[in-house]
Amino acid sequence: MQEFAKTGSLFAGVRIITLVIGLAQMKFIAVTLGPSATGIYTVISNFLQILTLISTLNLSVSASKYLSEYYSQGDFDRLRYALQFCVKFVLSSSAVIFLAVILLTKPITLFLFDSGDYWLYVVLTSTTILFGASTVYLGGLQGLLERTKIAKVQVWTAILGLASVLIFIPFLALTGYFISVLLTAFFTLVLVYVSSRRVRALQNSSDELPRAIKREVRRKLFAFSGANLILLIAQPLSFFLIRYSILKQMGTDGVGFYAACLSASALIFSLFQTNAYYYFPKMNTVLPEEERVRIINECLRFTLLTFPPVMLGAILLPDLLVWVLYSNNFLPIVAYLPLFILAEFAMNLAAVFSVPVLGLTKLRFHVLWTFVYYLLWATGSILLFNRIGLRGVGLVTIVAYLIWGGGYYIYLKGLIPLRIEERNVKLLVVVICSTILFTFVPTFLPGLALRITVYPLTLIIAYFLFDRQERKKIGSFAQQMLRRFRFSY
């Protein structure tokens, strides 16, 4: 549990710092340039995200997985070759994509805006494609569990990005904004490259490997990235179908409400980031079955101890959350925002069992089962939305995630002797009971002050449902999280 606490507290601090910096940056851009800057950048970046996906082929995830595996095996030659190959491939493909965009700048600008006035902004933004290798370096650091280095990169990137905005926008206005976007991408590449060079396992050049071994490494990298790339295409397609259905019936306001629910719930659960920076790399290492089961139980316990208090507060006080994040125009989402928050929690629970399956490289099951999830989610959301509106989308999302996670759990039990610890079962029961209670409390206590009072009282009651020994462990875990959070920097 110590590693989860270490990772969670570290990236909670990073998230708070970057969030504050990001809010300050957004505020400055909004006041200085208005919504046009963000609107133009969003249109261009959405188009370029597809090109970036093509140029990188999602190799950053493969780098993270196989660097973890090779490092645990002590196979440093394969490790270095895997990273070097991914970097060279991404640099080459990014250069080709960038040249294609430059040659087709005018047609692309006309396609995106029905006007050729924004060609310079297309060029500046597309130049960020050249720095796509930063994702590979970050994946490598992630796979080698270099969490402190990643945290420093994220903080320094946020600071340098804010500095670029403050320096260039006052002098160059909208052009300065796009220059700052380009510089932020460049700073990210420089920072992750320097950080990677300081990792001992990556310092020396790889020895000459036989061609057969190189082919094997490349095959593994492309197979893993290809499987995830297919799913990365399926995800936005499912989102598009759901959003299109909402747009037809509720217009742009309905799509905005749906996006607000997704953003709010994602923001709540993006605080600790233990899955990305500890759990996923650890599950990719070579582990005895007993150790793998122990870490799965630790991850489940960490998820049940850290996320529910924040989740329950958001469920109990959705109107306060909307007021903090948005404006009174978004108050209609209060009726169904708790469902999307519960769906995000269900996704994190499902990840406890999906990540080990990926770590064991069971790609066929992963792809097929996730396709079933997307099919169920998109179809069910559209059908239930037509009957009960956005509340139906939230309900289907919860059910789809629970089925998805349940499938991984059953499949995982067939691979390893997985057994959920009794204390985790008890904690899960407490979370379920508290969630049901908090979901209905706003109906009986419409007053905000009363609900704010009920929130800590309910958490205290839930705490005392455990026996004395278990309470000591929970108290020790909370103190550890706070202590690590205070001294992480």
Protein backbone atom coordinates (compact mmCIF):
# COMPACT_ATOMS: atom_id res chain seq x y z
CA MET A 1 0.00 0.00 0.00
CA GLN A 2 3.00 2.29 0.56
CA GLU A 3 3.75 2.53 -3.17
CA PHE A 4 0.14 3.42 -3.94
CA ALA A 5 0.19 6.09 -1.21
CA LYS A 6 3.51 7.43 -2.49
CA THR A 7 2.29 7.65 -6.09
CA GLY A 8 -1.16 8.97 -5.16
CA SER A 9 0.10 11.72 -2.87
CA LEU A 10 2.83 12.77 -5.32
CA PHE A 11 0.52 13.15 -8.30
CA ALA A 12 -2.27 14.65 -6.20
CA GLY A 13 0.16 17.48 -5.45
CA VAL A 14 1.17 17.71 -9.10
CA ARG A 15 -2.47 17.76 -10.17
CA ILE A 16 -3.31 20.59 -7.78
CA ILE A 17 -0.31 22.66 -8.92
CA THR A 18 -0.96 22.14 -12.64
CA LEU A 19 -4.68 22.77 -12.15
CA VAL A 20 -4.03 26.12 -10.46
CA ILE A 21 -1.55 27.09 -13.18
CA GLY A 22 -3.95 25.94 -15.90
CA LEU A 23 -6.84 27.95 -14.42
CA ALA A 24 -4.64 31.05 -14.27
CA GLN A 25 -3.60 30.51 -17.89
CA MET A 26 -7.18 29.97 -19.08
CA LYS A 27 -8.31 33.07 -17.20
CA PHE A 28 -5.59 35.22 -18.79
CA ILE A 29 -6.40 33.92 -22.29
CA ALA A 30 -10.12 34.43 -21.77
CA VAL A 31 -9.68 38.01 -20.56
CA THR A 32 -7.06 38.93 -23.18
CA LEU A 33 -8.29 37.16 -26.31
CA GLY A 34 -11.83 36.04 -25.58
CA PRO A 35 -13.30 32.71 -26.68
CA SER A 36 -12.05 32.95 -30.27
CA ALA A 37 -8.51 31.78 -29.43
CA THR A 38 -9.68 28.64 -27.67
CA GLY A 39 -12.27 28.00 -30.38
CA ILE A 40 -9.76 28.21 -33.24
CA TYR A 41 -7.20 26.09 -31.38
CA THR A 42 -9.83 23.45 -30.52
CA VAL A 43 -10.85 23.08 -34.16
CA ILE A 44 -7.24 22.70 -35.31
CA SER A 45 -6.11 20.47 -32.43
CA ASN A 46 -9.04 18.06 -32.83
CA PHE A 47 -7.97 17.53 -36.44
CA LEU A 48 -4.31 17.20 -35.53
CA GLN A 49 -5.04 14.68 -32.76
CA ILE A 50 -5.96 12.19 -35.46
CA LEU A 51 -2.73 12.90 -37.35
CA THR A 52 -0.70 12.61 -34.13
CA LEU A 53 -2.32 9.26 -33.40
CA ILE A 54 -1.30 8.09 -36.88
CA SER A 55 2.27 9.37 -36.53
CA THR A 56 2.88 7.86 -33.08
CA LEU A 57 0.74 4.70 -33.53
CA ASN A 58 0.24 4.85 -29.74
CA LEU A 59 3.77 3.47 -29.28
CA SER A 60 4.10 5.33 -25.98
CA VAL A 61 1.87 2.70 -24.33
CA SER A 62 3.96 -0.10 -25.86
CA ALA A 63 7.13 1.57 -24.62
CA SER A 64 5.70 1.76 -21.11
CA LYS A 65 4.65 -1.90 -21.13
CA TYR A 66 7.77 -3.48 -22.57
CA LEU A 67 10.31 -1.29 -20.79
CA SER A 68 8.64 -2.46 -17.54
CA GLU A 69 8.85 -6.08 -18.66
CA TYR A 70 12.45 -5.96 -19.92
CA TYR A 71 13.62 -4.03 -16.85
CA SER A 72 12.12 -6.65 -14.50
CA GLN A 73 13.92 -9.35 -16.52
CA GLY A 74 17.23 -7.45 -16.46
CA ASP A 75 17.26 -7.44 -20.28
CA PHE A 76 18.70 -3.96 -20.79
CA ASP A 77 19.70 -4.48 -24.42
CA ARG A 78 16.10 -5.15 -25.45
CA LEU A 79 14.97 -2.31 -23.18
CA ARG A 80 17.23 0.28 -24.82
CA TYR A 81 16.50 -0.97 -28.33
CA ALA A 82 12.74 -0.81 -27.73
CA LEU A 83 12.93 2.83 -26.63
CA GLN A 84 15.35 3.84 -29.39
CA PHE A 85 13.23 2.18 -32.07
CA CYS A 86 10.02 3.84 -30.82
CA VAL A 87 11.69 7.27 -30.74
CA LYS A 88 13.19 6.90 -34.24
CA PHE A 89 9.93 5.61 -35.70
CA VAL A 90 7.86 8.43 -34.18
CA LEU A 91 10.37 11.09 -35.26
CA SER A 92 10.36 9.80 -38.84
CA SER A 93 6.60 9.38 -39.16
CA SER A 94 5.98 12.74 -37.47
CA ALA A 95 8.24 14.45 -39.99
CA VAL A 96 6.33 12.85 -42.89
CA ILE A 97 2.94 13.88 -41.44
CA PHE A 98 4.21 17.40 -40.76
CA LEU A 99 5.47 17.82 -44.34
CA ALA A 100 2.13 16.59 -45.67
CA VAL A 101 0.28 19.16 -43.54
CA ILE A 102 2.61 21.96 -44.70
CA LEU A 103 2.07 21.05 -48.35
CA LEU A 104 -1.71 20.90 -47.85
CA THR A 105 -2.03 23.85 -45.47
CA LYS A 106 -4.46 25.85 -47.60
CA PRO A 107 -6.86 22.97 -48.38
CA ILE A 108 -6.80 21.92 -44.72
CA THR A 109 -7.53 25.47 -43.54
CA LEU A 110 -10.42 25.78 -45.99
CA PHE A 111 -11.78 22.41 -44.85
CA LEU A 112 -11.62 23.36 -41.16
CA PHE A 113 -12.82 26.97 -41.33
CA ASP A 114 -14.29 27.55 -44.82
CA SER A 115 -11.68 30.29 -45.01
CA GLY A 116 -7.96 30.56 -45.65
CA ASP A 117 -7.39 33.26 -43.02
CA TYR A 118 -6.08 30.91 -40.34
CA TRP A 119 -3.34 29.14 -42.32
CA LEU A 120 -0.57 30.50 -40.06
CA TYR A 121 -2.25 29.04 -36.99
CA VAL A 122 -2.59 25.67 -38.74
CA VAL A 123 1.15 25.74 -39.51
CA LEU A 124 2.14 26.72 -35.96
CA THR A 125 -0.09 24.11 -34.34
CA SER A 126 0.90 21.36 -36.77
CA THR A 127 4.57 21.95 -35.93
CA THR A 128 3.85 20.40 -32.53
CA ILE A 129 3.58 17.05 -34.37
CA LEU A 130 7.38 17.14 -34.70
CA PHE A 131 7.67 16.85 -30.93
CA GLY A 132 5.53 13.70 -30.69
CA ALA A 133 8.53 11.70 -29.45
CA SER A 134 7.92 13.28 -26.05
CA THR A 135 5.06 10.81 -25.54
CA VAL A 136 7.47 7.90 -26.09
CA TYR A 137 9.98 9.27 -23.59
CA LEU A 138 7.17 9.79 -21.08
CA GLY A 139 6.01 6.23 -21.69
CA GLY A 140 9.55 5.03 -21.03
CA LEU A 141 9.78 6.95 -17.75
CA GLN A 142 6.36 5.60 -16.81
CA GLY A 143 7.42 2.02 -17.52
CA LEU A 144 10.57 2.39 -15.42
CA LEU A 145 8.54 3.86 -12.53
CA GLU A 146 10.42 7.17 -12.65
CA ARG A 147 7.50 8.93 -10.97
CA THR A 148 9.41 11.87 -9.50
CA LYS A 149 10.90 12.72 -12.89
CA ILE A 150 7.45 12.60 -14.53
CA ALA A 151 6.02 14.82 -11.79
CA LYS A 152 8.78 17.39 -12.29
CA VAL A 153 8.23 17.36 -16.06
CA GLN A 154 4.50 18.01 -15.61
CA VAL A 155 5.05 20.89 -13.18
CA TRP A 156 7.81 22.54 -15.22
CA THR A 157 5.84 22.16 -18.44
CA ALA A 158 2.87 23.90 -16.83
CA ILE A 159 5.07 26.73 -15.50
CA LEU A 160 6.89 27.26 -18.81
CA GLY A 161 3.60 27.11 -20.71
CA LEU A 162 2.14 29.83 -18.49
CA ALA A 163 5.30 31.93 -18.91
CA SER A 164 5.04 31.61 -22.71
CA VAL A 165 1.43 32.75 -22.66
CA LEU A 166 2.22 35.75 -20.43
CA ILE A 167 5.19 36.78 -22.60
CA PHE A 168 3.87 36.32 -26.16
CA ILE A 169 0.15 37.10 -26.01
CA PRO A 170 0.55 40.77 -24.89
CA PHE A 171 2.85 41.44 -27.86
CA LEU A 172 1.52 39.15 -30.60
CA ALA A 173 -2.10 38.61 -29.52
CA LEU A 174 -3.65 35.52 -31.16
CA THR A 175 -0.43 34.59 -32.97
CA GLY A 176 1.36 34.73 -29.63
CA TYR A 177 -1.09 32.20 -28.23
CA PHE A 178 -0.25 29.67 -30.92
CA ILE A 179 3.47 30.33 -30.50
CA SER A 180 3.07 29.55 -26.79
CA VAL A 181 1.33 26.26 -27.69
CA LEU A 182 4.27 25.36 -29.94
CA LEU A 183 6.85 26.29 -27.29
CA THR A 184 5.04 24.25 -24.63
CA ALA A 185 5.27 21.15 -26.84
CA PHE A 186 8.98 21.87 -27.42
CA PHE A 187 9.64 22.36 -23.68
CA THR A 188 7.93 19.04 -22.96
CA LEU A 189 10.19 17.18 -25.40
CA VAL A 190 13.34 18.80 -23.98
CA LEU A 191 12.36 18.07 -20.38
CA VAL A 192 11.48 14.40 -20.95
CA TYR A 193 14.62 13.87 -23.08
CA VAL A 194 16.86 15.31 -20.35
CA SER A 195 15.03 13.30 -17.69
CA SER A 196 15.40 10.10 -19.72
CA ARG A 197 19.13 10.65 -20.19
CA ARG A 198 19.50 10.69 -16.39
CA VAL A 199 17.97 7.23 -15.99
CA ARG A 200 20.77 4.70 -15.47
CA ALA A 201 19.03 1.94 -17.41
CA LEU A 202 18.88 4.19 -20.50
CA GLN A 203 22.29 5.85 -20.35
CA ASN A 204 24.34 3.45 -22.46
CA SER A 205 23.66 2.63 -26.07
CA SER A 206 22.18 -0.81 -26.69
CA ASP A 207 24.60 -3.51 -27.84
CA GLU A 208 24.13 -4.87 -31.32
CA LEU A 209 21.25 -7.31 -31.15
CA PRO A 210 20.66 -10.14 -33.63
CA ARG A 211 18.11 -9.30 -36.32
CA ALA A 212 15.74 -11.98 -35.11
CA ILE A 213 15.57 -10.42 -31.64
CA LYS A 214 15.07 -6.95 -33.11
CA ARG A 215 12.20 -8.27 -35.23
CA GLU A 216 10.68 -9.88 -32.15
CA VAL A 217 10.88 -6.63 -30.17
CA ARG A 218 9.35 -4.63 -33.04
CA ARG A 219 6.57 -7.20 -33.48
CA LYS A 220 5.64 -6.99 -29.81
CA LEU A 221 5.66 -3.18 -29.85
CA PHE A 222 3.43 -2.93 -32.92
CA ALA A 223 1.09 -5.72 -31.80
CA PHE A 224 0.41 -4.05 -28.46
CA SER A 225 0.11 -0.53 -29.86
CA GLY A 226 -2.05 -1.78 -32.74
CA ALA A 227 -4.54 -3.43 -30.38
CA ASN A 228 -4.86 -0.26 -28.32
CA LEU A 229 -4.99 1.89 -31.47
CA ILE A 230 -8.07 -0.01 -32.67
CA LEU A 231 -9.78 0.73 -29.36
CA LEU A 232 -8.71 4.37 -29.47
CA ILE A 233 -10.59 4.65 -32.76
CA ALA A 234 -13.65 2.82 -31.37
CA GLN A 235 -13.89 5.13 -28.37
CA PRO A 236 -14.34 8.47 -30.23
CA LEU A 237 -16.67 6.74 -32.68
CA SER A 238 -18.92 5.65 -29.78
CA PHE A 239 -18.77 9.16 -28.32
CA PHE A 240 -19.70 10.62 -31.71
CA LEU A 241 -22.79 8.40 -32.03
CA ILE A 242 -23.99 9.30 -28.54
CA ARG A 243 -23.33 13.02 -29.00
CA TYR A 244 -25.05 13.01 -32.38
CA SER A 245 -28.18 11.48 -30.82
CA ILE A 246 -28.12 14.11 -28.07
CA LEU A 247 -27.60 16.88 -30.63
CA LYS A 248 -30.63 15.81 -32.66
CA GLN A 249 -32.98 15.92 -29.69
CA MET A 250 -31.53 18.56 -27.33
CA GLY A 251 -29.38 20.71 -29.60
CA THR A 252 -25.98 22.12 -28.70
CA ASP A 253 -27.08 22.82 -25.11
CA GLY A 254 -27.68 19.11 -24.56
CA VAL A 255 -24.23 18.23 -25.92
CA GLY A 256 -22.78 20.92 -23.64
CA PHE A 257 -24.54 19.44 -20.60
CA TYR A 258 -23.25 15.97 -21.49
CA ALA A 259 -19.69 17.29 -21.93
CA ALA A 260 -19.93 19.13 -18.60
CA CYS A 261 -20.94 15.91 -16.80
CA LEU A 262 -18.02 14.01 -18.33
CA SER A 263 -15.52 16.79 -17.55
CA ALA A 264 -16.65 17.19 -13.95
CA SER A 265 -16.55 13.46 -13.20
CA ALA A 266 -13.15 13.03 -14.92
CA LEU A 267 -11.73 15.97 -12.94
CA ILE A 268 -12.75 14.39 -9.64
CA PHE A 269 -11.09 11.05 -10.40
CA SER A 270 -7.92 12.38 -12.05
CA LEU A 271 -6.35 13.40 -8.74
CA PHE A 272 -4.17 10.42 -7.77
CA GLN A 273 -3.20 8.85 -11.16
CA THR A 274 -1.90 5.67 -9.53
CA ASN A 275 -3.14 3.46 -12.38
CA ALA A 276 -0.99 5.20 -14.97
CA TYR A 277 2.18 5.77 -12.96
CA TYR A 278 2.42 2.73 -10.71
CA TYR A 279 -0.22 0.03 -11.22
CA PHE A 280 0.04 -0.34 -15.01
CA PRO A 281 3.88 -0.42 -15.11
CA LYS A 282 3.98 -2.81 -12.14
CA MET A 283 1.50 -5.22 -13.74
CA ASN A 284 3.73 -5.35 -16.84
CA THR A 285 6.70 -6.67 -14.88
CA VAL A 286 7.45 -10.36 -14.40
CA LEU A 287 5.82 -11.25 -11.06
CA PRO A 288 5.02 -14.43 -9.12
CA GLU A 289 1.29 -15.11 -9.11
CA GLU A 290 0.99 -14.53 -5.35
CA GLU A 291 2.67 -11.13 -5.65
CA ARG A 292 0.42 -10.16 -8.56
CA VAL A 293 -2.67 -11.07 -6.52
CA ARG A 294 -1.37 -9.09 -3.55
CA ILE A 295 -0.84 -5.95 -5.66
CA ILE A 296 -4.31 -6.31 -7.23
CA ASN A 297 -5.83 -6.38 -3.74
CA GLU A 298 -3.74 -3.35 -2.73
CA CYS A 299 -4.94 -1.44 -5.78
CA LEU A 300 -8.56 -2.35 -5.02
CA ARG A 301 -8.13 -1.22 -1.42
CA PHE A 302 -6.47 2.04 -2.45
CA THR A 303 -9.33 2.70 -4.90
CA LEU A 304 -11.96 2.01 -2.23
CA LEU A 305 -10.21 4.18 0.39
CA THR A 306 -9.35 7.23 -1.70
CA PHE A 307 -12.03 7.76 -4.35
CA PRO A 308 -15.32 7.23 -2.43
CA PRO A 309 -14.93 10.15 0.04
CA VAL A 310 -14.48 12.58 -2.88
CA MET A 311 -17.14 10.82 -4.96
CA LEU A 312 -19.70 10.84 -2.15
CA GLY A 313 -19.13 14.53 -1.52
CA ALA A 314 -19.78 15.27 -5.20
CA ILE A 315 -22.91 13.09 -5.20
CA LEU A 316 -24.25 14.79 -2.07
CA LEU A 317 -23.39 18.31 -3.27
CA PRO A 318 -23.80 18.33 -7.07
CA ASP A 319 -25.19 21.87 -7.08
CA LEU A 320 -22.11 23.14 -5.24
CA LEU A 321 -19.85 21.31 -7.69
CA VAL A 322 -21.65 22.88 -10.66
CA TRP A 323 -21.38 26.32 -9.07
CA VAL A 324 -17.61 25.89 -8.52
CA LEU A 325 -16.80 24.50 -11.97
CA TYR A 326 -19.36 26.14 -14.24
CA SER A 327 -22.18 28.67 -13.89
CA ASN A 328 -25.91 28.81 -13.15
CA ASN A 329 -26.59 28.00 -16.80
CA PHE A 330 -25.41 24.44 -16.07
CA LEU A 331 -27.69 23.82 -13.08
CA PRO A 332 -29.94 21.42 -15.10
CA ILE A 333 -27.14 18.80 -14.93
CA VAL A 334 -27.56 18.56 -11.14
CA ALA A 335 -30.35 16.01 -11.72
CA TYR A 336 -28.08 13.47 -13.44
CA LEU A 337 -24.48 14.51 -12.67
CA PRO A 338 -24.26 11.97 -9.76
CA LEU A 339 -24.86 9.15 -12.24
CA PHE A 340 -21.86 10.17 -14.34
CA ILE A 341 -19.75 10.45 -11.19
CA LEU A 342 -20.77 6.92 -10.22
CA ALA A 343 -19.94 5.77 -13.76
CA GLU A 344 -16.41 7.17 -13.44
CA PHE A 345 -15.99 5.31 -10.15
CA ALA A 346 -17.23 2.11 -11.81
CA MET A 347 -14.59 2.63 -14.52
CA ASN A 348 -11.84 2.91 -11.89
CA LEU A 349 -13.07 -0.27 -10.23
CA ALA A 350 -13.07 -2.05 -13.61
CA ALA A 351 -9.50 -0.86 -14.24
CA VAL A 352 -8.35 -2.79 -11.15
CA PHE A 353 -9.01 -6.00 -13.12
CA SER A 354 -8.48 -4.83 -16.72
CA VAL A 355 -4.91 -3.59 -16.15
CA PRO A 356 -3.56 -7.02 -15.00
CA VAL A 357 -5.07 -8.62 -18.12
CA LEU A 358 -3.17 -6.09 -20.25
CA GLY A 359 -0.07 -6.72 -18.16
CA LEU A 360 -0.31 -10.42 -19.03
CA THR A 361 -0.61 -9.39 -22.73
CA LYS A 362 -3.96 -11.08 -23.32
CA LEU A 363 -4.64 -8.79 -26.26
CA ARG A 364 -7.27 -10.87 -28.06
CA PHE A 365 -9.60 -10.96 -25.06
CA HIS A 366 -8.87 -7.29 -24.27
CA VAL A 367 -9.80 -6.10 -27.76
CA LEU A 368 -12.88 -8.30 -28.16
CA TRP A 369 -14.27 -7.64 -24.67
CA THR A 370 -13.68 -3.87 -24.93
CA PHE A 371 -15.45 -3.86 -28.30
CA VAL A 372 -18.40 -5.56 -26.58
CA TYR A 373 -18.30 -2.82 -23.95
CA TYR A 374 -18.30 -0.01 -26.55
CA LEU A 375 -21.15 -1.68 -28.44
CA LEU A 376 -23.21 -2.10 -25.27
CA TRP A 377 -22.43 1.41 -24.08
CA ALA A 378 -23.18 3.23 -27.34
CA THR A 379 -26.30 1.21 -28.22
CA GLY A 380 -27.73 1.28 -24.70
CA SER A 381 -27.01 5.00 -24.25
CA ILE A 382 -28.80 5.92 -27.48
CA LEU A 383 -31.82 3.72 -26.72
CA LEU A 384 -32.25 4.84 -23.12
CA PHE A 385 -31.55 8.48 -23.97
CA ASN A 386 -34.55 8.42 -26.29
CA ARG A 387 -36.69 7.30 -23.34
CA ILE A 388 -35.42 9.20 -20.26
CA GLY A 389 -32.84 11.69 -21.55
CA LEU A 390 -29.31 12.17 -20.22
CA ARG A 391 -30.17 10.30 -17.05
CA GLY A 392 -30.44 7.20 -19.23
CA VAL A 393 -26.95 7.77 -20.66
CA GLY A 394 -25.55 7.90 -17.13
CA LEU A 395 -27.33 4.71 -16.07
CA VAL A 396 -26.18 2.77 -19.12
CA THR A 397 -22.59 3.95 -18.61
CA ILE A 398 -22.61 2.62 -15.04
CA VAL A 399 -24.02 -0.76 -16.09
CA ALA A 400 -21.62 -1.03 -19.06
CA TYR A 401 -18.56 -0.39 -16.87
CA LEU A 402 -19.72 -2.90 -14.25
CA ILE A 403 -20.21 -5.58 -16.94
CA TRP A 404 -16.86 -4.69 -18.49
CA GLY A 405 -15.03 -4.94 -15.16
CA GLY A 406 -16.92 -8.11 -14.22
CA GLY A 407 -15.81 -9.78 -17.45
CA TYR A 408 -12.17 -8.95 -16.72
CA TYR A 409 -12.52 -10.26 -13.16
CA ILE A 410 -13.93 -13.60 -14.34
CA TYR A 411 -11.28 -13.92 -17.07
CA LEU A 412 -8.49 -13.00 -14.63
CA LYS A 413 -9.60 -15.69 -12.16
CA GLY A 414 -8.98 -18.21 -14.93
CA LEU A 415 -5.41 -16.95 -15.39
CA ILE A 416 -4.22 -16.57 -11.79
CA PRO A 417 -5.51 -17.72 -8.36
CA LEU A 418 -7.22 -14.39 -7.73
CA ARG A 419 -9.03 -14.00 -4.43
CA ILE A 420 -10.43 -10.72 -3.10
CA GLU A 421 -9.42 -10.17 0.52
CA GLU A 422 -12.19 -10.17 3.11
CA ARG A 423 -11.35 -6.65 4.29
CA ASN A 424 -11.78 -5.37 0.72
CA VAL A 425 -15.16 -7.10 0.47
CA LYS A 426 -16.28 -5.39 3.70
CA LEU A 427 -15.01 -2.04 2.47
CA LEU A 428 -16.83 -2.48 -0.83
CA VAL A 429 -20.09 -3.16 1.05
CA VAL A 430 -19.60 0.03 3.08
CA VAL A 431 -18.97 2.02 -0.12
CA ILE A 432 -22.08 0.59 -1.83
CA CYS A 433 -24.31 1.32 1.20
CA SER A 434 -22.92 4.85 1.56
CA THR A 435 -23.38 5.51 -2.15
CA ILE A 436 -27.03 4.41 -2.06
CA LEU A 437 -27.64 6.60 1.00
CA PHE A 438 -25.93 9.66 -0.46
CA THR A 439 -27.73 9.30 -3.77
CA PHE A 440 -31.10 9.77 -2.07
CA VAL A 441 -30.07 12.29 0.65
CA PRO A 442 -30.45 15.38 -1.64
CA THR A 443 -34.12 14.41 -2.18
CA PHE A 444 -34.84 14.61 1.55
CA LEU A 445 -32.38 17.40 2.39
CA PRO A 446 -32.63 20.02 -0.35
CA GLY A 447 -30.83 22.62 1.78
CA LEU A 448 -27.14 22.97 0.92
CA ALA A 449 -26.09 23.73 4.53
CA LEU A 450 -27.79 20.57 5.83
CA ARG A 451 -26.11 18.39 3.23
CA ILE A 452 -22.70 19.92 3.99
CA THR A 453 -23.28 18.97 7.63
CA VAL A 454 -24.43 15.44 6.82
CA TYR A 455 -21.37 14.70 4.64
CA PRO A 456 -18.67 14.51 7.37
CA LEU A 457 -21.06 12.87 9.83
CA THR A 458 -21.76 10.04 7.40
CA LEU A 459 -18.05 9.50 6.75
CA ILE A 460 -17.43 9.31 10.51
CA ILE A 461 -20.23 6.75 10.93
CA ALA A 462 -18.82 4.70 8.04
CA TYR A 463 -15.38 4.85 9.67
CA PHE A 464 -16.69 3.38 12.93
CA LEU A 465 -18.36 0.48 11.12
CA PHE A 466 -14.90 -1.11 10.97
CA ASP A 467 -13.34 -2.91 13.90
CA ARG A 468 -10.60 -1.26 15.95
CA GLN A 469 -7.69 -2.92 14.15
CA GLU A 470 -9.05 -1.98 10.74
CA ARG A 471 -9.67 1.62 11.88
CA LYS A 472 -6.03 1.86 12.93
CA LYS A 473 -4.92 0.71 9.48
CA ILE A 474 -7.21 3.23 7.76
CA GLY A 475 -6.00 6.03 10.07
CA SER A 476 -2.38 5.08 9.43
CA PHE A 477 -3.02 5.08 5.68
CA ALA A 478 -4.61 8.57 5.84
CA GLN A 479 -1.66 9.91 7.86
CA GLN A 480 0.77 8.39 5.38
CA MET A 481 -1.02 10.02 2.45
CA LEU A 482 -0.98 13.44 4.14
CA ARG A 483 2.65 13.10 5.20
CA ARG A 484 3.78 12.14 1.70
CA PHE A 485 1.67 14.90 0.18
CA ARG A 486 3.32 17.52 2.42
CA PHE A 487 6.90 16.39 1.76
CA SER A 488 6.65 15.32 -1.90
CA TYR A 489 8.20 18.58 -3.01
